[in-house]
Amino acid sequence: MNAKSILGIILTLAGLIGLIYGGIDFTKGGVSQASFVYVILGGIFFFAGIGLVRSTRV
């Protein structure tokens, strides 16, 4: 495994954790600016990680 693949996996997991945490915060009724930040950053990290994993798996 090379560094890009490992970074892609780490970004994907971090994004997934951010999306889950933001989703839990939304379901508790906490519609605040922090919830949006968790969801947006989680989505960015998740899709960036998926893109890196896809591009390195040839």
N, C-alpha and C. Protein backbone atom coordinates (compact mmCIF):
# COMPACT_ATOMS: atom_id res chain seq x y z
N MET A 1 0.84 -1.17 0.00
CA MET A 1 0.00 0.00 0.00
C MET A 1 0.89 1.25 0.00
N ASN A 2 0.54 2.16 -0.82
CA ASN A 2 1.32 3.40 -0.86
C ASN A 2 0.66 4.49 -0.01
N ALA A 3 1.32 5.62 0.08
CA ALA A 3 0.88 6.69 0.97
C ALA A 3 -0.47 7.27 0.54
N LYS A 4 -0.72 7.35 -0.77
CA LYS A 4 -2.00 7.90 -1.24
C LYS A 4 -3.17 7.03 -0.80
N SER A 5 -2.99 5.74 -0.88
CA SER A 5 -4.06 4.82 -0.50
C SER A 5 -4.34 4.91 0.99
N ILE A 6 -3.30 4.98 1.80
CA ILE A 6 -3.48 5.08 3.25
C ILE A 6 -4.15 6.40 3.60
N LEU A 7 -3.72 7.50 2.97
CA LEU A 7 -4.35 8.79 3.21
C LEU A 7 -5.81 8.78 2.78
N GLY A 8 -6.12 8.12 1.68
CA GLY A 8 -7.50 8.01 1.23
C GLY A 8 -8.37 7.27 2.22
N ILE A 9 -7.84 6.20 2.81
CA ILE A 9 -8.59 5.44 3.80
C ILE A 9 -8.82 6.28 5.06
N ILE A 10 -7.79 7.00 5.48
CA ILE A 10 -7.91 7.85 6.67
C ILE A 10 -8.93 8.97 6.43
N LEU A 11 -8.88 9.60 5.25
CA LEU A 11 -9.85 10.65 4.94
C LEU A 11 -11.27 10.11 4.88
N THR A 12 -11.42 8.92 4.30
CA THR A 12 -12.75 8.31 4.22
C THR A 12 -13.31 8.04 5.60
N LEU A 13 -12.50 7.48 6.48
CA LEU A 13 -12.97 7.20 7.84
C LEU A 13 -13.26 8.47 8.61
N ALA A 14 -12.42 9.49 8.46
CA ALA A 14 -12.66 10.76 9.14
C ALA A 14 -13.95 11.41 8.63
N GLY A 15 -14.18 11.33 7.33
CA GLY A 15 -15.41 11.87 6.76
C GLY A 15 -16.64 11.12 7.23
N LEU A 16 -16.52 9.82 7.33
CA LEU A 16 -17.64 9.02 7.81
C LEU A 16 -17.97 9.35 9.26
N ILE A 17 -16.95 9.53 10.07
CA ILE A 17 -17.17 9.90 11.47
C ILE A 17 -17.83 11.28 11.55
N GLY A 18 -17.37 12.23 10.73
CA GLY A 18 -17.97 13.56 10.71
C GLY A 18 -19.42 13.54 10.28
N LEU A 19 -19.72 12.74 9.26
CA LEU A 19 -21.11 12.63 8.79
C LEU A 19 -22.01 12.00 9.85
N ILE A 20 -21.51 10.98 10.51
CA ILE A 20 -22.30 10.32 11.56
C ILE A 20 -22.53 11.27 12.73
N TYR A 21 -21.47 11.97 13.15
CA TYR A 21 -21.61 12.90 14.27
C TYR A 21 -22.57 14.05 13.93
N GLY A 22 -22.47 14.57 12.72
CA GLY A 22 -23.39 15.62 12.30
C GLY A 22 -24.82 15.12 12.22
N GLY A 23 -25.00 13.89 11.74
CA GLY A 23 -26.34 13.30 11.68
C GLY A 23 -26.94 13.08 13.04
N ILE A 24 -26.13 12.63 13.99
CA ILE A 24 -26.61 12.44 15.36
C ILE A 24 -26.99 13.79 15.96
N ASP A 25 -26.19 14.82 15.68
CA ASP A 25 -26.48 16.14 16.20
C ASP A 25 -27.79 16.69 15.62
N PHE A 26 -28.04 16.40 14.32
CA PHE A 26 -29.30 16.82 13.71
C PHE A 26 -30.49 16.11 14.33
N THR A 27 -30.36 14.82 14.60
CA THR A 27 -31.50 14.07 15.14
C THR A 27 -31.81 14.46 16.58
N LYS A 28 -30.83 14.99 17.30
CA LYS A 28 -31.09 15.46 18.67
C LYS A 28 -31.75 16.82 18.69
N GLY A 29 -31.96 17.41 17.53
CA GLY A 29 -32.61 18.70 17.46
C GLY A 29 -31.65 19.87 17.53
N GLY A 30 -30.37 19.60 17.42
CA GLY A 30 -29.38 20.66 17.51
C GLY A 30 -29.06 21.22 16.14
N VAL A 31 -29.98 21.96 15.57
CA VAL A 31 -29.74 22.55 14.25
C VAL A 31 -28.99 23.85 14.46
N SER A 32 -27.69 23.73 14.57
CA SER A 32 -26.86 24.90 14.79
C SER A 32 -25.79 24.96 13.71
N GLN A 33 -24.96 25.96 13.79
CA GLN A 33 -23.91 26.13 12.80
C GLN A 33 -22.89 24.99 12.90
N ALA A 34 -22.66 24.48 14.09
CA ALA A 34 -21.70 23.40 14.28
C ALA A 34 -22.17 22.13 13.55
N SER A 35 -23.46 21.86 13.55
CA SER A 35 -23.98 20.68 12.86
C SER A 35 -23.69 20.77 11.37
N PHE A 36 -23.90 21.93 10.79
CA PHE A 36 -23.64 22.10 9.37
C PHE A 36 -22.16 21.95 9.05
N VAL A 37 -21.31 22.44 9.94
CA VAL A 37 -19.87 22.33 9.73
C VAL A 37 -19.45 20.87 9.75
N TYR A 38 -19.96 20.09 10.70
CA TYR A 38 -19.63 18.66 10.76
C TYR A 38 -20.07 17.93 9.50
N VAL A 39 -21.26 18.21 9.04
CA VAL A 39 -21.78 17.52 7.85
C VAL A 39 -21.01 17.94 6.60
N ILE A 40 -20.75 19.22 6.45
CA ILE A 40 -20.05 19.69 5.25
C ILE A 40 -18.61 19.18 5.22
N LEU A 41 -17.89 19.33 6.33
CA LEU A 41 -16.51 18.83 6.36
C LEU A 41 -16.46 17.31 6.26
N GLY A 42 -17.40 16.63 6.87
CA GLY A 42 -17.47 15.18 6.75
C GLY A 42 -17.68 14.75 5.31
N GLY A 43 -18.57 15.45 4.61
CA GLY A 43 -18.80 15.13 3.20
C GLY A 43 -17.59 15.39 2.34
N ILE A 44 -16.91 16.49 2.59
CA ILE A 44 -15.70 16.81 1.82
C ILE A 44 -14.63 15.75 2.06
N PHE A 45 -14.38 15.42 3.32
CA PHE A 45 -13.36 14.42 3.62
C PHE A 45 -13.74 13.05 3.06
N PHE A 46 -15.02 12.69 3.17
CA PHE A 46 -15.46 11.39 2.70
C PHE A 46 -15.27 11.25 1.19
N PHE A 47 -15.74 12.23 0.44
CA PHE A 47 -15.62 12.11 -1.01
C PHE A 47 -14.19 12.29 -1.51
N ALA A 48 -13.38 13.08 -0.80
CA ALA A 48 -11.97 13.19 -1.15
C ALA A 48 -11.26 11.86 -0.91
N GLY A 49 -11.58 11.21 0.19
CA GLY A 49 -10.98 9.91 0.48
C GLY A 49 -11.40 8.85 -0.51
N ILE A 50 -12.67 8.83 -0.87
CA ILE A 50 -13.14 7.87 -1.86
C ILE A 50 -12.46 8.12 -3.20
N GLY A 51 -12.28 9.37 -3.57
CA GLY A 51 -11.60 9.70 -4.82
C GLY A 51 -10.15 9.24 -4.81
N LEU A 52 -9.47 9.41 -3.69
CA LEU A 52 -8.08 8.96 -3.60
C LEU A 52 -7.98 7.44 -3.66
N VAL A 53 -8.86 6.75 -2.98
CA VAL A 53 -8.83 5.28 -3.00
C VAL A 53 -9.11 4.77 -4.41
N ARG A 54 -10.08 5.37 -5.08
CA ARG A 54 -10.40 4.95 -6.45
C ARG A 54 -9.25 5.19 -7.41
N SER A 55 -8.57 6.32 -7.26
CA SER A 55 -7.50 6.66 -8.20
C SER A 55 -6.23 5.85 -7.97
N THR A 56 -6.03 5.32 -6.76
CA THR A 56 -4.83 4.55 -6.49
C THR A 56 -5.02 3.07 -6.70
N ARG A 57 -6.22 2.60 -6.77
CA ARG A 57 -6.50 1.16 -6.98
C ARG A 57 -6.58 0.87 -8.47
N VAL A 58 -5.45 0.58 -9.07
CA VAL A 58 -5.42 0.32 -10.52
C VAL A 58 -5.10 -1.10 -10.81
